[in-house]
Amino acid sequence: MTSLEALRKINARCIHCRACQYAYSNEPDREGDSEEFTGMLLSCPSGNLYAWEGYFNSGRMWIARAFLNKEIEASQEMLEVLEACTTCALCAEQCPNLIDTVEIIEELRAAIIEAGIEPLPKHKKFGEMVSDKELKNPYKEPRGERTKWFQGVVDNPDAKVAYFVGCTGAYRQQHIADKTTKILDKLGFDYTVVSGEVCCGSPILRTGMKPVFMDVMNENLEVFKDFDLLVFSCAGCYKTFRNDYVNHSGKELPFKVRHTVELAYDLISEGKLKIEKSYNKKVTWHDPCHSVRHVGLGIEKKILNESKNWLLDSRAATKAKEAHYNIPRIVLNAIPGLELIEMYRIKGDSFCCGAGGGVKAQFPDMAIKTSLERLREAASTGADVLMTSCPFCITNFNDGIKALKKEEEETGKDLSKLGSKLEVVELLEVLDELL
């Protein structure tokens, strides 16, 4: 089980170079589609908004070091600064010393709460609801209704593949859960939905309530231990199982995990799936932080942790990470008629939607302002559709567009260049439509 103290040596690698504050820190001369998106861009959502060193990752690494060295004490103010972070991991992608920045931030949050500081109000409610045996989800919905939407066989004893729906799919975006099951049907998977599923623990771990996270993690590992494969449509749930369950349990998963988009990629790559129908639209793709960057960084970390020669294996690690970043692009390019127009910040350098890390609940203004920055970047490509595959990205982008449309109504201004006319689309819905 990881702890802040265990990460002391990793934290000590921070030399305060501040590369973590930027995107494309290795491409300072890169040119974009407009003067706004070119060269090195400040790309930390919280640092950009609050414009104080403590809100950038570089400052947070120094806060962690000072806390470890007992130079500062835990406080509510310190927790508020640290929680205003989407844990998007762009800082980790940019770090030349390969520091596990998000893991340090999450462990520091947990250490502050362990020291007796109350979790922030919205986050505290998450913890209470997820630890409630009658709920086990952050939406305060009855646990017994978690699978109510599903038309198939729940708890099919013969199935070796399970669809982990996640709280958002089960209670808020059931249309995405439904589309996912239809995709699995069309791809020929014999699967089931499991009534014993509980919150994956992602919002709990991100916000520092580690004991609650450990409880739901162990519960899910017990419930799904006999399956061969777990399939996900939620980027956050997928990353939590694939990366965090391994890190915090200290054991490899007893089953394989795959996102639905990756399943489509597998079949396309093997020549077993060819999409015949056309999707004749101009599309720009947003890389979800959890299922793209976090997983890519996890792949790189695993290769380097097992390496006996970093000089040679670092190249293989970078190549494997890049291959993961290309997965959704291979799927998109396999769709006839779809014209993919990339944004300036993509793949590991992608800018966050603004919803992660507990920010959407506790810092809604920050979440919307971050969303507006990404929508502006998407609109600059000239695309009609902003496509992604994450329930939180979908929600936050739509909230950003609502804010733009409201401003248009109130001021009479045309804000289409800022993204007000963009259509936000979940890739899984398109796959269901075309398969």
Foldseek 3Di string as FASTA:
>chain_A
DDALVNQLVLLVVQPLPPLLQWFPSVPQQAQFLDPVQGGIDRFFLQCVVVVDLLLGLSNVSVVSNCVVVVVDAQDPVSLVSLLQGQLLCLSQVRDPSNRPSLVNSLNVLQVSVVSPYDFPDLLNLQLVQLLPPQHVGSVNDGLQQQCVLDPDDEPPVPFQEEEQQAPCCRPPVVVLVVLLVLLCVVVPHDYHYYSQQGHCCQLVSLNNVPVSNVVNLVSVLVRNLRHAEYEYLALSSQLCLCPVSCVVVVDHRSYYYYYSLVVLLVCVVVVNDAFDDADAFEEEEAEASRNFQSVLSVQLVVQVVPDPDCVVSNVVSVVSSVVSQCSNVVVQVRHHNYHYQYFSQGGSRGRHQQQHSCCCRNPVVSNLVSNLVNLLRRLSRVTQEYEYRHPRSLVSNVVNLVVVVVVCVVPVDDCVSSRNRHHYYYVSVVSSVRD
